[in-house]
Amino acid sequence: MLHRRLVVLSAVAVLLAIGGCGTTRLSDSKRTATEQLLISGAIERAVMRIDMQSLAGQSVYLDAPCMDDVNDEKYLASALRHQLLASDCRLAEKREDAQVIVEARTGAIGTDRNQLVLGMPSTSVTVQGNETSVPELAIAKRSEQRGVVRLSLCAYERDTGRSLWQSGVENVASHSRDRWYFGAGPFQDGEIHNGPEFAGRPSKSLFAKDQPEEPPQAVAGVIDLSKPRYFFSLPRCISSNSCC
């Protein structure tokens, strides 16, 4: 009898340990902060990979007819204008005032997610006409979310329509990974995190492979938009916040 009670208590303890769970889906905005950071991060990295130095000194109009129905098209257009300015191009407000037309297009801007569970997933069971659900019993669980951007540019002379330059296709993905072990978690890592985190708090990772990926190395001719930079000397009254 005592042996049976010990077995039952042990089974209950294991189920309680496994049955713990965590979630990162709760959001007070239309989209979670994780999704927004994944998309904006992928956009910035894709734009920063494009070398626009060959257009330096030209009057440029950014045309994006293929991005009207794309989510985050305004953020992408702003990042492209920023890169053009950083590459010493002069932005034209009107198409007829530009020497060069830069046309931008995106093949994808969005997120996807995959999940892996080691254990028993949540299931529905019908017993004698009554339906009930069995909670997820996971020994280990991983959820990964990606923000994906596919971007390409081309440039041509406004007057003649002659092709001048093309960027090639940039495919960039940002990742965010959540892991649970015996119900404890989420342990988080990925490009949008400054380091490994536990339930949103910085923590030391137990696994070296869980470290976030290193940022891409600087490429010659490509401007890093994430770093502060002065392109021209500011007037003394502006730089010193004093009145001239």
C-alpha atoms as a PDB file:
ATOM      1  CA  MET A   1       0.000   0.000   0.000  1.00  0.00           C
ATOM      2  CA  LEU A   2       2.813   2.402   0.924  1.00  0.00           C
ATOM      3  CA  HIS A   3       4.668   1.491  -2.252  1.00  0.00           C
ATOM      4  CA  ARG A   4       1.588   2.290  -4.356  1.00  0.00           C
ATOM      5  CA  ARG A   5       1.203   5.708  -2.695  1.00  0.00           C
ATOM      6  CA  LEU A   6       4.855   6.534  -3.340  1.00  0.00           C
ATOM      7  CA  VAL A   7       4.428   5.661  -7.030  1.00  0.00           C
ATOM      8  CA  VAL A   8       1.327   7.848  -7.320  1.00  0.00           C
ATOM      9  CA  LEU A   9       3.016  10.797  -5.569  1.00  0.00           C
ATOM     10  CA  SER A  10       6.083  10.464  -7.797  1.00  0.00           C
ATOM     11  CA  ALA A  11       3.919  10.424 -10.915  1.00  0.00           C
ATOM     12  CA  VAL A  12       2.054  13.548  -9.776  1.00  0.00           C
ATOM     13  CA  ALA A  13       5.338  15.345  -9.054  1.00  0.00           C
ATOM     14  CA  VAL A  14       6.677  14.525 -12.528  1.00  0.00           C
ATOM     15  CA  LEU A  15       3.462  15.715 -14.189  1.00  0.00           C
ATOM     16  CA  LEU A  16       3.549  18.984 -12.241  1.00  0.00           C
ATOM     17  CA  ALA A  17       7.176  19.563 -13.219  1.00  0.00           C
ATOM     18  CA  ILE A  18       6.514  18.843 -16.885  1.00  0.00           C
ATOM     19  CA  GLY A  19       3.226  20.705 -17.000  1.00  0.00           C
ATOM     20  CA  GLY A  20       4.728  24.141 -16.276  1.00  0.00           C
ATOM     21  CA  CYS A  21       4.734  26.499 -19.242  1.00  0.00           C
ATOM     22  CA  GLY A  22       5.556  30.011 -20.351  1.00  0.00           C
ATOM     23  CA  THR A  23       4.400  32.228 -23.192  1.00  0.00           C
ATOM     24  CA  THR A  24       5.688  35.317 -25.029  1.00  0.00           C
ATOM     25  CA  ARG A  25       2.616  35.925 -27.204  1.00  0.00           C
ATOM     26  CA  LEU A  26       0.824  38.403 -24.910  1.00  0.00           C
ATOM     27  CA  SER A  27       0.733  41.838 -26.538  1.00  0.00           C
ATOM     28  CA  ASP A  28      -1.075  45.148 -26.049  1.00  0.00           C
ATOM     29  CA  SER A  29      -0.358  46.277 -29.622  1.00  0.00           C
ATOM     30  CA  LYS A  30      -1.611  44.985 -32.954  1.00  0.00           C
ATOM     31  CA  ARG A  31       1.646  43.088 -33.447  1.00  0.00           C
ATOM     32  CA  THR A  32       4.030  41.789 -30.820  1.00  0.00           C
ATOM     33  CA  ALA A  33       7.273  43.666 -30.183  1.00  0.00           C
ATOM     34  CA  THR A  34       9.152  40.517 -31.199  1.00  0.00           C
ATOM     35  CA  GLU A  35       7.534  40.503 -34.642  1.00  0.00           C
ATOM     36  CA  GLN A  36       8.211  44.208 -35.156  1.00  0.00           C
ATOM     37  CA  LEU A  37      11.852  43.876 -34.089  1.00  0.00           C
ATOM     38  CA  LEU A  38      12.362  40.870 -36.377  1.00  0.00           C
ATOM     39  CA  ILE A  39      10.965  42.713 -39.404  1.00  0.00           C
ATOM     40  CA  SER A  40      12.719  46.036 -38.781  1.00  0.00           C
ATOM     41  CA  GLY A  41      16.003  44.268 -38.023  1.00  0.00           C
ATOM     42  CA  ALA A  42      15.833  42.231 -41.224  1.00  0.00           C
ATOM     43  CA  ILE A  43      15.016  45.376 -43.236  1.00  0.00           C
ATOM     44  CA  GLU A  44      17.961  47.284 -41.795  1.00  0.00           C
ATOM     45  CA  ARG A  45      20.404  44.446 -42.409  1.00  0.00           C
ATOM     46  CA  ALA A  46      19.180  43.927 -45.977  1.00  0.00           C
ATOM     47  CA  VAL A  47      19.511  47.649 -46.795  1.00  0.00           C
ATOM     48  CA  MET A  48      22.956  47.903 -45.183  1.00  0.00           C
ATOM     49  CA  ARG A  49      24.233  45.112 -47.438  1.00  0.00           C
ATOM     50  CA  ILE A  50      23.599  47.184 -50.569  1.00  0.00           C
ATOM     51  CA  ASP A  51      26.478  49.330 -51.836  1.00  0.00           C
ATOM     52  CA  MET A  52      25.040  52.524 -53.376  1.00  0.00           C
ATOM     53  CA  GLN A  53      28.356  54.385 -53.705  1.00  0.00           C
ATOM     54  CA  SER A  54      28.190  54.191 -57.509  1.00  0.00           C
ATOM     55  CA  LEU A  55      25.265  56.662 -57.367  1.00  0.00           C
ATOM     56  CA  ALA A  56      27.138  59.199 -55.228  1.00  0.00           C
ATOM     57  CA  GLY A  57      26.689  62.786 -56.334  1.00  0.00           C
ATOM     58  CA  GLN A  58      23.598  62.051 -58.441  1.00  0.00           C
ATOM     59  CA  SER A  59      20.141  63.518 -57.987  1.00  0.00           C
ATOM     60  CA  VAL A  60      18.054  60.429 -57.164  1.00  0.00           C
ATOM     61  CA  TYR A  61      14.323  59.746 -56.948  1.00  0.00           C
ATOM     62  CA  LEU A  62      13.272  56.623 -55.041  1.00  0.00           C
ATOM     63  CA  ASP A  63      10.428  54.817 -56.809  1.00  0.00           C
ATOM     64  CA  ALA A  64       8.715  51.889 -55.103  1.00  0.00           C
ATOM     65  CA  PRO A  65       5.612  50.934 -57.130  1.00  0.00           C
ATOM     66  CA  CYS A  66       5.867  47.287 -56.084  1.00  0.00           C
ATOM     67  CA  MET A  67       5.710  48.054 -52.350  1.00  0.00           C
ATOM     68  CA  ASP A  68       2.255  49.672 -52.115  1.00  0.00           C
ATOM     69  CA  ASP A  69       0.611  46.554 -50.672  1.00  0.00           C
ATOM     70  CA  VAL A  70       3.584  45.427 -48.564  1.00  0.00           C
ATOM     71  CA  ASN A  71       3.594  45.605 -44.776  1.00  0.00           C
ATOM     72  CA  ASP A  72       6.238  47.940 -43.325  1.00  0.00           C
ATOM     73  CA  GLU A  73       6.797  49.566 -46.737  1.00  0.00           C
ATOM     74  CA  LYS A  74       7.163  53.006 -45.100  1.00  0.00           C
ATOM     75  CA  TYR A  75       9.936  51.803 -42.809  1.00  0.00           C
ATOM     76  CA  LEU A  76      11.701  50.121 -45.728  1.00  0.00           C
ATOM     77  CA  ALA A  77      11.401  53.239 -47.908  1.00  0.00           C
ATOM     78  CA  SER A  78      12.807  55.386 -45.088  1.00  0.00           C
ATOM     79  CA  ALA A  79      15.748  52.986 -44.616  1.00  0.00           C
ATOM     80  CA  LEU A  80      16.479  53.106 -48.366  1.00  0.00           C
ATOM     81  CA  ARG A  81      16.406  56.912 -48.385  1.00  0.00           C
ATOM     82  CA  HIS A  82      18.725  56.907 -45.384  1.00  0.00           C
ATOM     83  CA  GLN A  83      21.168  54.652 -47.216  1.00  0.00           C
ATOM     84  CA  LEU A  84      21.017  56.850 -50.337  1.00  0.00           C
ATOM     85  CA  LEU A  85      21.755  59.948 -48.259  1.00  0.00           C
ATOM     86  CA  ALA A  86      24.581  58.158 -46.449  1.00  0.00           C
ATOM     87  CA  SER A  87      26.034  57.222 -49.849  1.00  0.00           C
ATOM     88  CA  ASP A  88      26.236  60.937 -50.812  1.00  0.00           C
ATOM     89  CA  CYS A  89      23.222  60.934 -53.136  1.00  0.00           C
ATOM     90  CA  ARG A  90      20.912  63.944 -53.416  1.00  0.00           C
ATOM     91  CA  LEU A  91      17.277  63.015 -52.979  1.00  0.00           C
ATOM     92  CA  ALA A  92      14.770  64.577 -55.371  1.00  0.00           C
ATOM     93  CA  GLU A  93      11.223  65.153 -54.128  1.00  0.00           C
ATOM     94  CA  LYS A  94       9.761  64.908 -57.619  1.00  0.00           C
ATOM     95  CA  ARG A  95      10.476  62.373 -60.334  1.00  0.00           C
ATOM     96  CA  GLU A  96      10.980  65.075 -63.000  1.00  0.00           C
ATOM     97  CA  ASP A  97      13.707  66.751 -60.918  1.00  0.00           C
ATOM     98  CA  ALA A  98      15.908  63.637 -60.681  1.00  0.00           C
ATOM     99  CA  GLN A  99      18.761  62.493 -62.904  1.00  0.00           C
ATOM    100  CA  VAL A 100      18.473  58.888 -61.758  1.00  0.00           C
ATOM    101  CA  ILE A 101      15.447  56.761 -60.819  1.00  0.00           C
ATOM    102  CA  VAL A 102      16.077  54.037 -58.241  1.00  0.00           C
ATOM    103  CA  GLU A 103      13.335  51.414 -58.307  1.00  0.00           C
ATOM    104  CA  ALA A 104      12.914  49.167 -55.255  1.00  0.00           C
ATOM    105  CA  ARG A 105      10.984  45.934 -55.023  1.00  0.00           C
ATOM    106  CA  THR A 106      10.452  43.294 -52.358  1.00  0.00           C
ATOM    107  CA  GLY A 107       9.731  39.629 -52.868  1.00  0.00           C
ATOM    108  CA  ALA A 108       8.887  39.035 -49.207  1.00  0.00           C
ATOM    109  CA  ILE A 109       8.446  40.918 -45.948  1.00  0.00           C
ATOM    110  CA  GLY A 110       6.912  38.809 -43.214  1.00  0.00           C
ATOM    111  CA  THR A 111       7.325  36.365 -40.369  1.00  0.00           C
ATOM    112  CA  ASP A 112       6.942  32.636 -39.970  1.00  0.00           C
ATOM    113  CA  ARG A 113       7.218  30.286 -37.033  1.00  0.00           C
ATOM    114  CA  ASN A 114       8.027  26.671 -36.330  1.00  0.00           C
ATOM    115  CA  GLN A 115       7.754  24.661 -33.152  1.00  0.00           C
ATOM    116  CA  LEU A 116       9.267  21.413 -31.921  1.00  0.00           C
ATOM    117  CA  VAL A 117       7.966  19.531 -28.883  1.00  0.00           C
ATOM    118  CA  LEU A 118       9.677  16.564 -27.244  1.00  0.00           C
ATOM    119  CA  GLY A 119       6.901  14.898 -25.315  1.00  0.00           C
ATOM    120  CA  MET A 120       3.145  14.684 -25.747  1.00  0.00           C
ATOM    121  CA  PRO A 121       1.361  17.582 -27.488  1.00  0.00           C
ATOM    122  CA  SER A 122      -1.996  18.882 -26.315  1.00  0.00           C
ATOM    123  CA  THR A 123      -4.785  16.613 -27.546  1.00  0.00           C
ATOM    124  CA  SER A 124      -8.562  16.364 -27.349  1.00  0.00           C
ATOM    125  CA  VAL A 125     -10.151  13.130 -26.085  1.00  0.00           C
ATOM    126  CA  THR A 126     -13.817  12.104 -26.232  1.00  0.00           C
ATOM    127  CA  VAL A 127     -14.984   9.739 -23.480  1.00  0.00           C
ATOM    128  CA  GLN A 128     -18.595   8.551 -23.520  1.00  0.00           C
ATOM    129  CA  GLY A 129     -19.663  11.550 -25.579  1.00  0.00           C
ATOM    130  CA  ASN A 130     -17.865  14.071 -23.367  1.00  0.00           C
ATOM    131  CA  GLU A 131     -14.927  15.889 -24.937  1.00  0.00           C
ATOM    132  CA  THR A 132     -11.983  16.851 -22.774  1.00  0.00           C
ATOM    133  CA  SER A 133      -8.489  18.073 -23.505  1.00  0.00           C
ATOM    134  CA  VAL A 134      -5.184  16.714 -22.255  1.00  0.00           C
ATOM    135  CA  PRO A 135      -2.618  19.491 -21.607  1.00  0.00           C
ATOM    136  CA  GLU A 136       0.735  19.471 -23.304  1.00  0.00           C
ATOM    137  CA  LEU A 137       3.321  17.393 -21.450  1.00  0.00           C
ATOM    138  CA  ALA A 138       6.688  18.501 -22.834  1.00  0.00           C
ATOM    139  CA  ILE A 139      10.108  17.424 -21.648  1.00  0.00           C
ATOM    140  CA  ALA A 140      11.668  19.983 -23.988  1.00  0.00           C
ATOM    141  CA  LYS A 141      10.149  22.498 -26.369  1.00  0.00           C
ATOM    142  CA  ARG A 142      11.523  24.959 -28.909  1.00  0.00           C
ATOM    143  CA  SER A 143       9.692  27.759 -30.733  1.00  0.00           C
ATOM    144  CA  GLU A 144      11.501  29.762 -33.407  1.00  0.00           C
ATOM    145  CA  GLN A 145      10.190  32.869 -35.158  1.00  0.00           C
ATOM    146  CA  ARG A 146      11.805  34.447 -38.216  1.00  0.00           C
ATOM    147  CA  GLY A 147      11.460  37.830 -39.894  1.00  0.00           C
ATOM    148  CA  VAL A 148      12.283  37.531 -43.594  1.00  0.00           C
ATOM    149  CA  VAL A 149      13.055  40.250 -46.165  1.00  0.00           C
ATOM    150  CA  ARG A 150      13.837  39.786 -49.863  1.00  0.00           C
ATOM    151  CA  LEU A 151      14.938  43.056 -51.485  1.00  0.00           C
ATOM    152  CA  SER A 152      16.454  44.252 -54.759  1.00  0.00           C
ATOM    153  CA  LEU A 153      17.073  47.616 -56.425  1.00  0.00           C
ATOM    154  CA  CYS A 154      17.835  48.860 -59.904  1.00  0.00           C
ATOM    155  CA  ALA A 155      18.690  52.330 -61.242  1.00  0.00           C
ATOM    156  CA  TYR A 156      18.270  53.975 -64.641  1.00  0.00           C
ATOM    157  CA  GLU A 157      18.548  57.409 -66.250  1.00  0.00           C
ATOM    158  CA  ARG A 158      15.279  59.298 -66.132  1.00  0.00           C
ATOM    159  CA  ASP A 159      15.681  60.993 -69.523  1.00  0.00           C
ATOM    160  CA  THR A 160      16.932  58.042 -71.567  1.00  0.00           C
ATOM    161  CA  GLY A 161      15.775  55.015 -69.577  1.00  0.00           C
ATOM    162  CA  ARG A 162      19.290  53.580 -69.861  1.00  0.00           C
ATOM    163  CA  SER A 163      20.151  51.045 -67.168  1.00  0.00           C
ATOM    164  CA  LEU A 164      22.854  52.212 -64.758  1.00  0.00           C
ATOM    165  CA  TRP A 165      23.052  49.800 -61.821  1.00  0.00           C
ATOM    166  CA  GLN A 166      21.446  46.861 -60.060  1.00  0.00           C
ATOM    167  CA  SER A 167      21.944  45.727 -56.503  1.00  0.00           C
ATOM    168  CA  GLY A 168      21.321  42.010 -56.856  1.00  0.00           C
ATOM    169  CA  VAL A 169      18.906  40.200 -54.539  1.00  0.00           C
ATOM    170  CA  GLU A 170      19.367  40.355 -50.773  1.00  0.00           C
ATOM    171  CA  ASN A 171      17.691  37.635 -48.684  1.00  0.00           C
ATOM    172  CA  VAL A 172      17.901  38.350 -44.962  1.00  0.00           C
ATOM    173  CA  ALA A 173      16.273  36.625 -41.987  1.00  0.00           C
ATOM    174  CA  SER A 174      16.283  37.594 -38.309  1.00  0.00           C
ATOM    175  CA  HIS A 175      15.628  34.926 -35.684  1.00  0.00           C
ATOM    176  CA  SER A 176      14.194  34.733 -32.209  1.00  0.00           C
ATOM    177  CA  ARG A 177      14.237  31.408 -30.355  1.00  0.00           C
ATOM    178  CA  ASP A 178      12.403  30.378 -27.188  1.00  0.00           C
ATOM    179  CA  ARG A 179      13.185  27.124 -25.369  1.00  0.00           C
ATOM    180  CA  TRP A 180      11.605  25.328 -22.430  1.00  0.00           C
ATOM    181  CA  TYR A 181      13.163  22.472 -20.432  1.00  0.00           C
ATOM    182  CA  PHE A 182      10.893  20.443 -18.101  1.00  0.00           C
ATOM    183  CA  GLY A 183       8.440  23.331 -18.064  1.00  0.00           C
ATOM    184  CA  ALA A 184      11.024  26.003 -17.179  1.00  0.00           C
ATOM    185  CA  GLY A 185      11.388  28.885 -19.620  1.00  0.00           C
ATOM    186  CA  PRO A 186      11.374  30.514 -21.970  1.00  0.00           C
ATOM    187  CA  PHE A 187      15.148  30.663 -22.499  1.00  0.00           C
ATOM    188  CA  GLN A 188      15.504  33.206 -25.307  1.00  0.00           C
ATOM    189  CA  ASP A 189      18.188  34.090 -27.830  1.00  0.00           C
ATOM    190  CA  GLY A 190      18.493  35.479 -31.345  1.00  0.00           C
ATOM    191  CA  GLU A 191      19.522  38.626 -33.202  1.00  0.00           C
ATOM    192  CA  ILE A 192      16.930  40.839 -31.494  1.00  0.00           C
ATOM    193  CA  HIS A 193      18.311  40.018 -28.022  1.00  0.00           C
ATOM    194  CA  ASN A 194      21.484  41.557 -26.589  1.00  0.00           C
ATOM    195  CA  GLY A 195      22.346  38.179 -25.101  1.00  0.00           C
ATOM    196  CA  PRO A 196      20.735  35.016 -23.733  1.00  0.00           C
ATOM    197  CA  GLU A 197      17.657  35.758 -21.650  1.00  0.00           C
ATOM    198  CA  PHE A 198      15.390  33.864 -19.306  1.00  0.00           C
ATOM    199  CA  ALA A 199      11.738  34.957 -19.494  1.00  0.00           C
ATOM    200  CA  GLY A 200      12.818  38.364 -20.808  1.00  0.00           C
ATOM    201  CA  ARG A 201      15.658  38.842 -18.317  1.00  0.00           C
ATOM    202  CA  PRO A 202      19.390  38.639 -19.192  1.00  0.00           C
ATOM    203  CA  SER A 203      20.947  35.361 -18.122  1.00  0.00           C
ATOM    204  CA  LYS A 204      23.996  33.271 -18.761  1.00  0.00           C
ATOM    205  CA  SER A 205      23.473  30.585 -21.382  1.00  0.00           C
ATOM    206  CA  LEU A 206      24.244  26.991 -20.506  1.00  0.00           C
ATOM    207  CA  PHE A 207      24.874  26.105 -24.146  1.00  0.00           C
ATOM    208  CA  ALA A 208      27.437  27.897 -26.317  1.00  0.00           C
ATOM    209  CA  LYS A 209      25.437  27.250 -29.491  1.00  0.00           C
ATOM    210  CA  ASP A 210      22.536  29.238 -28.041  1.00  0.00           C
ATOM    211  CA  GLN A 211      24.554  32.466 -28.228  1.00  0.00           C
ATOM    212  CA  PRO A 212      23.090  35.076 -30.612  1.00  0.00           C
ATOM    213  CA  GLU A 213      24.720  35.256 -33.996  1.00  0.00           C
ATOM    214  CA  GLU A 214      27.551  37.745 -34.459  1.00  0.00           C
ATOM    215  CA  PRO A 215      26.583  40.912 -36.362  1.00  0.00           C
ATOM    216  CA  PRO A 216      27.725  40.932 -39.989  1.00  0.00           C
ATOM    217  CA  GLN A 217      31.205  42.331 -40.616  1.00  0.00           C
ATOM    218  CA  ALA A 218      31.478  45.717 -42.295  1.00  0.00           C
ATOM    219  CA  VAL A 219      31.680  45.562 -46.077  1.00  0.00           C
ATOM    220  CA  ALA A 220      33.782  48.061 -48.024  1.00  0.00           C
ATOM    221  CA  GLY A 221      31.601  50.748 -49.564  1.00  0.00           C
ATOM    222  CA  VAL A 222      28.535  49.917 -47.466  1.00  0.00           C
ATOM    223  CA  ILE A 223      27.387  52.392 -44.810  1.00  0.00           C
ATOM    224  CA  ASP A 224      26.475  51.035 -41.362  1.00  0.00           C
ATOM    225  CA  LEU A 225      23.175  52.809 -40.664  1.00  0.00           C
ATOM    226  CA  SER A 226      23.103  51.630 -37.055  1.00  0.00           C
ATOM    227  CA  LYS A 227      26.088  53.820 -36.015  1.00  0.00           C
ATOM    228  CA  PRO A 228      26.055  57.587 -35.399  1.00  0.00           C
ATOM    229  CA  ARG A 229      27.805  59.593 -38.124  1.00  0.00           C
ATOM    230  CA  TYR A 230      28.131  63.229 -39.216  1.00  0.00           C
ATOM    231  CA  PHE A 231      28.278  63.603 -42.983  1.00  0.00           C
ATOM    232  CA  PHE A 232      29.162  67.315 -42.960  1.00  0.00           C
ATOM    233  CA  SER A 233      30.441  69.717 -40.350  1.00  0.00           C
ATOM    234  CA  LEU A 234      27.551  71.256 -38.445  1.00  0.00           C
ATOM    235  CA  PRO A 235      27.395  75.036 -37.993  1.00  0.00           C
ATOM    236  CA  ARG A 236      28.906  76.116 -34.711  1.00  0.00           C
ATOM    237  CA  CYS A 237      25.604  77.503 -33.391  1.00  0.00           C
ATOM    238  CA  ILE A 238      23.862  74.167 -34.029  1.00  0.00           C
ATOM    239  CA  SER A 239      26.611  71.899 -32.699  1.00  0.00           C
ATOM    240  CA  SER A 240      26.922  73.967 -29.497  1.00  0.00           C
ATOM    241  CA  ASN A 241      23.160  74.536 -29.074  1.00  0.00           C
ATOM    242  CA  SER A 242      23.792  78.282 -28.890  1.00  0.00           C
ATOM    243  CA  CYS A 243      22.287  81.128 -30.844  1.00  0.00           C
ATOM    244  CA  CYS A 244      24.366  82.662 -33.641  1.00  0.00           C
END
